[in-house]
Protein backbone atom coordinates (compact mmCIF):
# COMPACT_ATOMS: atom_id res chain seq x y z
CA MET A 1 0.00 0.00 0.00
CA ASN A 2 1.22 3.52 -0.81
CA LEU A 3 2.89 5.21 2.20
CA LYS A 4 1.03 8.47 1.63
CA LEU A 5 -2.27 6.58 1.73
CA ILE A 6 -1.26 4.85 4.97
CA LEU A 7 -0.38 8.19 6.59
CA ALA A 8 -3.66 9.69 5.39
CA ILE A 9 -5.60 6.78 6.90
CA ILE A 10 -3.73 7.12 10.22
CA TYR A 11 -4.35 10.86 10.28
CA ILE A 12 -8.09 10.45 9.58
CA LEU A 13 -8.32 7.70 12.20
CA CYS A 14 -6.66 9.87 14.87
CA LEU A 15 -8.85 12.82 13.96
CA SER A 16 -11.94 10.60 14.18
CA ILE A 17 -10.92 9.41 17.65
CA VAL A 18 -10.45 13.00 18.83
CA LEU A 19 -13.83 14.05 17.44
CA PHE A 20 -15.48 10.99 19.00
CA VAL A 21 -14.06 11.86 22.42
CA VAL A 22 -15.04 15.53 22.07
CA PHE A 23 -18.63 14.90 21.03
CA ASN A 24 -19.25 11.98 23.40
CA TYR A 25 -17.59 13.17 26.57
CA LEU A 26 -17.93 16.95 26.33
CA ASP A 27 -21.16 18.88 26.29
CA LEU A 28 -20.31 21.58 23.75
CA ARG A 29 -23.36 23.59 24.76
CA GLU A 30 -21.80 24.05 28.21
CA LEU A 31 -18.50 25.46 26.97
CA THR A 32 -19.76 28.99 27.64
CA ASN A 33 -20.66 27.97 31.20
CA TYR A 34 -17.76 28.96 33.45
CA SER A 35 -18.79 26.58 36.25
CA TYR A 36 -18.76 23.67 33.79
CA ILE A 37 -15.29 24.63 32.55
CA LYS A 38 -13.91 25.00 36.08
CA GLU A 39 -15.41 21.69 37.24
CA ASN A 40 -13.93 19.75 34.33
CA THR A 41 -10.62 21.55 34.70
CA ASN A 42 -10.39 20.47 38.34
CA PHE A 43 -11.31 16.90 37.36
CA LEU A 44 -8.57 16.78 34.72
CA LEU A 45 -5.94 18.27 37.02
CA ASN A 46 -6.85 15.88 39.84
CA TYR A 47 -6.60 12.93 37.47
CA LYS A 48 -3.20 14.16 36.32
CA ASN A 49 -1.96 14.57 39.91
CA ASN A 50 -3.10 11.05 40.83
CA ASN A 51 -1.61 9.45 37.72
CA ILE A 52 1.30 11.78 37.03
CA PHE A 53 3.71 9.34 35.32
CA VAL A 54 1.14 7.62 33.10
CA PHE A 55 -0.53 10.93 32.29
CA SER A 56 2.81 12.60 31.41
CA PHE A 57 3.90 9.65 29.28
CA LEU A 58 0.64 9.64 27.33
CA PHE A 59 0.78 13.41 26.87
CA ILE A 60 4.33 13.15 25.48
CA LEU A 61 3.28 10.40 23.07
CA ILE A 62 0.25 12.37 21.90
CA SER A 63 2.39 15.50 21.43
CA ILE A 64 5.00 13.62 19.39
CA PHE A 65 2.32 12.05 17.25
CA TRP A 66 0.59 15.44 16.84
CA VAL A 67 3.79 17.03 15.48
CA LEU A 68 4.43 14.02 13.26
CA LEU A 69 0.98 14.52 11.73
CA LEU A 70 1.72 18.19 10.90
CA GLY A 71 -0.30 19.60 13.77
CA PHE A 72 0.00 23.20 14.98
CA GLY A 73 2.39 23.65 17.90
CA SER A 74 0.69 26.42 19.92
CA PRO A 75 -2.42 24.50 21.11
CA ILE A 76 -0.33 21.66 22.54
CA ALA A 77 2.06 24.12 24.24
CA ILE A 78 -0.85 26.02 25.84
CA ILE A 79 -2.39 22.75 27.09
CA SER A 80 1.01 21.62 28.41
CA GLY A 81 1.45 24.85 30.36
CA PHE A 82 -2.12 24.56 31.63
CA LEU A 83 -1.66 20.98 32.85
CA PHE A 84 1.96 20.95 34.04
CA GLY A 85 2.85 24.60 34.72
CA LYS A 86 5.23 26.80 32.76
CA TRP A 87 8.49 25.11 33.79
CA ILE A 88 7.62 21.41 33.58
CA GLY A 89 5.28 22.16 30.68
CA THR A 90 8.12 23.78 28.75
CA ILE A 91 10.43 20.82 29.37
CA ILE A 92 7.79 18.32 28.27
CA THR A 93 6.80 20.33 25.20
CA VAL A 94 10.36 21.05 24.04
CA PHE A 95 11.27 17.37 24.38
CA SER A 96 8.10 16.17 22.63
CA PHE A 97 8.33 18.71 19.82
CA THR A 98 12.01 17.94 19.24
CA VAL A 99 11.34 14.20 18.97
CA GLY A 100 8.25 14.71 16.80
CA SER A 101 10.02 17.21 14.52
CA CYS A 102 13.02 14.91 14.17
CA LEU A 103 10.83 11.95 13.22
CA LEU A 104 8.94 14.10 10.73
CA TYR A 105 12.22 15.33 9.23
CA ILE A 106 13.53 11.77 8.84
CA LEU A 107 10.23 10.70 7.27
CA ALA A 108 10.34 13.66 4.87
CA GLN A 109 13.97 12.92 3.97
CA TYR A 110 13.20 9.36 2.97
CA TYR A 111 9.81 9.65 1.33
CA PHE A 112 8.95 13.24 0.40
CA ARG A 113 12.27 14.93 -0.44
CA ASP A 114 11.55 15.32 -4.15
CA PHE A 115 8.08 16.70 -3.44
CA ILE A 116 9.43 19.22 -0.89
CA ILE A 117 12.24 20.38 -3.18
CA LYS A 118 9.81 20.80 -6.06
CA HIS A 119 7.34 22.94 -4.08
CA PHE A 120 9.55 24.88 -1.65
CA SER A 121 13.06 25.06 -3.05
CA LYS A 122 12.51 28.21 -5.16
CA LYS A 123 10.86 30.04 -2.25
CA ILE A 124 13.95 29.76 -0.05
CA GLU A 125 16.60 29.72 -2.77
CA ARG A 126 18.36 32.74 -1.25
CA TYR A 127 18.83 30.91 2.09
CA LYS A 128 20.66 27.89 0.69
CA ASN A 129 24.14 29.40 0.83
CA LEU A 130 23.60 30.52 4.41
CA PHE A 131 22.61 27.05 5.59
CA HIS A 132 25.42 25.39 3.66
CA LYS A 133 27.96 27.66 5.40
CA ASN A 134 26.76 26.84 8.93
CA GLU A 135 23.52 24.87 9.05
CA LEU A 136 23.53 24.53 12.85
CA LEU A 137 23.88 28.27 13.51
CA TYR A 138 21.40 29.46 10.91
CA PHE A 139 18.75 26.87 11.65
CA LEU A 140 19.10 27.72 15.36
CA ILE A 141 18.55 31.40 14.52
CA PHE A 142 15.67 30.35 12.27
CA ARG A 143 14.03 28.48 15.17
CA LEU A 144 14.73 31.25 17.69
CA SER A 145 13.13 33.78 15.36
CA GLY A 146 9.92 31.74 15.26
CA GLY A 147 10.66 30.26 11.87
CA ALA A 148 10.39 33.64 10.11
CA GLY A 149 6.61 33.37 10.19
CA ILE A 150 6.53 29.96 8.46
CA PRO A 151 4.01 27.45 9.91
CA PHE A 152 5.56 25.02 12.40
CA ALA A 153 4.90 21.92 10.30
CA ILE A 154 6.63 23.47 7.27
CA GLN A 155 9.57 24.58 9.43
CA ASN A 156 10.14 20.97 10.40
CA ILE A 157 10.52 19.67 6.85
CA LEU A 158 12.32 22.58 5.13
CA PRO A 159 15.84 21.39 6.12
CA THR A 160 15.19 18.44 3.80
CA ILE A 161 16.10 20.82 0.97
CA PHE A 162 19.54 21.44 2.55
CA ASP A 163 20.06 17.78 3.48
CA MET A 164 20.76 18.88 7.05
CA LYS A 165 22.63 16.55 9.41
CA ILE A 166 20.29 14.96 11.93
CA LYS A 167 22.55 15.89 14.89
CA ASN A 168 22.50 19.58 13.94
CA TYR A 169 18.76 19.40 13.38
CA ILE A 170 18.13 18.01 16.87
CA ILE A 171 20.41 20.52 18.64
CA SER A 172 19.09 23.59 16.82
CA THR A 173 15.47 22.48 17.22
CA PHE A 174 15.77 21.71 20.94
CA PHE A 175 17.44 24.99 21.93
CA GLY A 176 15.67 27.08 19.31
CA LEU A 177 12.20 26.12 20.51
CA ILE A 178 12.77 26.92 24.19
CA PRO A 179 11.99 30.70 24.20
CA THR A 180 8.80 30.46 22.16
CA LEU A 181 7.46 27.40 23.98
CA PHE A 182 8.27 28.88 27.39
CA ILE A 183 6.17 31.96 26.57
CA ILE A 184 3.26 29.88 25.28
CA CYS A 185 3.41 27.46 28.23
CA SER A 186 3.48 30.46 30.58
CA LEU A 187 0.28 31.67 28.97
CA GLY A 188 -1.35 28.27 29.51
CA SER A 189 -0.20 28.27 33.13
CA GLY A 190 -1.62 31.77 33.59
CA VAL A 191 -5.00 30.66 32.26
CA LYS A 192 -5.03 27.70 34.70
CA ASN A 193 -4.23 29.96 37.67
CA LEU A 194 -6.90 32.43 36.61
CA ILE A 195 -9.53 29.71 36.43
CA GLY A 196 -8.47 28.28 39.78
CA GLU A 197 -8.55 31.60 41.61
CA SER A 198 -11.70 33.16 40.13
CA ASN A 199 -15.36 32.30 40.29
CA SER A 200 -15.94 34.12 37.03
CA ILE A 201 -13.84 35.53 34.21
CA SER A 202 -14.22 38.90 32.52
CA TYR A 203 -12.20 40.50 29.75
CA LYS A 204 -10.76 42.90 32.33
CA SER A 205 -9.58 40.09 34.61
CA VAL A 206 -7.93 38.33 31.66
CA PHE A 207 -5.88 41.28 30.45
CA THR A 208 -4.97 42.59 33.92
CA ASP A 209 -3.74 39.23 35.23
CA PRO A 210 0.10 39.08 35.28
CA GLY A 211 0.01 35.41 34.31
CA ILE A 212 -1.72 36.44 31.08
CA TYR A 213 -0.31 39.80 30.06
CA TRP A 214 3.38 39.06 30.76
CA PRO A 215 3.44 36.09 28.34
CA LEU A 216 1.64 38.30 25.81
CA VAL A 217 4.30 41.00 26.29
CA GLY A 218 6.97 38.31 25.92
CA PHE A 219 5.33 37.13 22.72
CA LEU A 220 5.36 40.66 21.28
CA ILE A 221 9.05 41.06 22.20
CA LEU A 222 9.81 37.70 20.57
CA LEU A 223 7.90 38.81 17.49
CA MET A 224 10.01 41.97 17.22
CA ILE A 225 13.20 39.94 17.68
CA SER A 226 11.96 37.57 14.99
CA LEU A 227 11.45 40.44 12.55
CA LEU A 228 14.90 41.83 13.42
CA CYS A 229 16.58 38.44 12.91
CA LYS A 230 14.78 38.00 9.63
CA LYS A 231 15.99 41.41 8.47
CA ILE A 232 19.60 40.84 9.57
CA PHE A 233 20.24 37.16 8.85
CA PHE A 234 17.69 36.32 6.18
CA LYS A 235 17.57 39.55 4.19
CA LYS A 236 17.12 39.40 0.45
CA LYS A 237 20.26 39.72 -1.61
C-alpha cells in the first residue's frame, strides 16, 4: 500500500478518535458555562496529579504524534502549560516537539524529499548558501526567530532541501524552541491559575492578570526579535 495513503488513513483515524471523544464526553453547549469549565478543569488536574507518570507519558506520546501529523504547535504548548505549569510544561513540550520534529524530518527525507524540493526550493533559494555555510547556527537562529513566520509543520521539513545533518537538526530544534514554547506554556499556566482563583472571568480580569499579560508581552518582544533576525540574517540579496 502507498505510504502516503497509509499516513492519510492514520491521520483520519486519529482525527476521528479526537472528534469521537469531544462529542461523546464533552457537552459543547456548556463550553460557555464557566462553572462547567472549572469543574472539568479540576477533574482533569486531579486525574493528572493522581496518575502523574502515566498521564505525562501519554501526553508526550500524543504530542510527538501530533507534530508528526503536521499539527499546529501552539495549542499543545498552551495545554502543556495549563496541565503541568510553565516550567515542567516547557520541558515536556520542548522534548516532545524535538522528537516529533526529528521523526517528521527523517520521514520527509526518505519519502517526500523530491516533493518538498519541487514545491519549496525556489521560495527559499536565497537561504541555501547561508545554511550550507553553517547549518547549525542558521537553523538555530531560524528556530529562535519563530521560523520567520513559516508554519511550524513546514519549518520541520524545510531542512530536507539542505540535506541537514540529523545531529544539527536536533540541537538547533531543541534549543531554538525553548523561548517560544516557554512563553506559550506560561500563557497556559496563567490561564489555569486564573480559572483556579476566580469564580468568574471577565475581559478585564484576563488582560490585567500578570500570568496572562506578561506572556503576551513576551510574545510581542519575541515577534520583534523575529522580525529583526529575519531582516539581519535572512535579508534578500
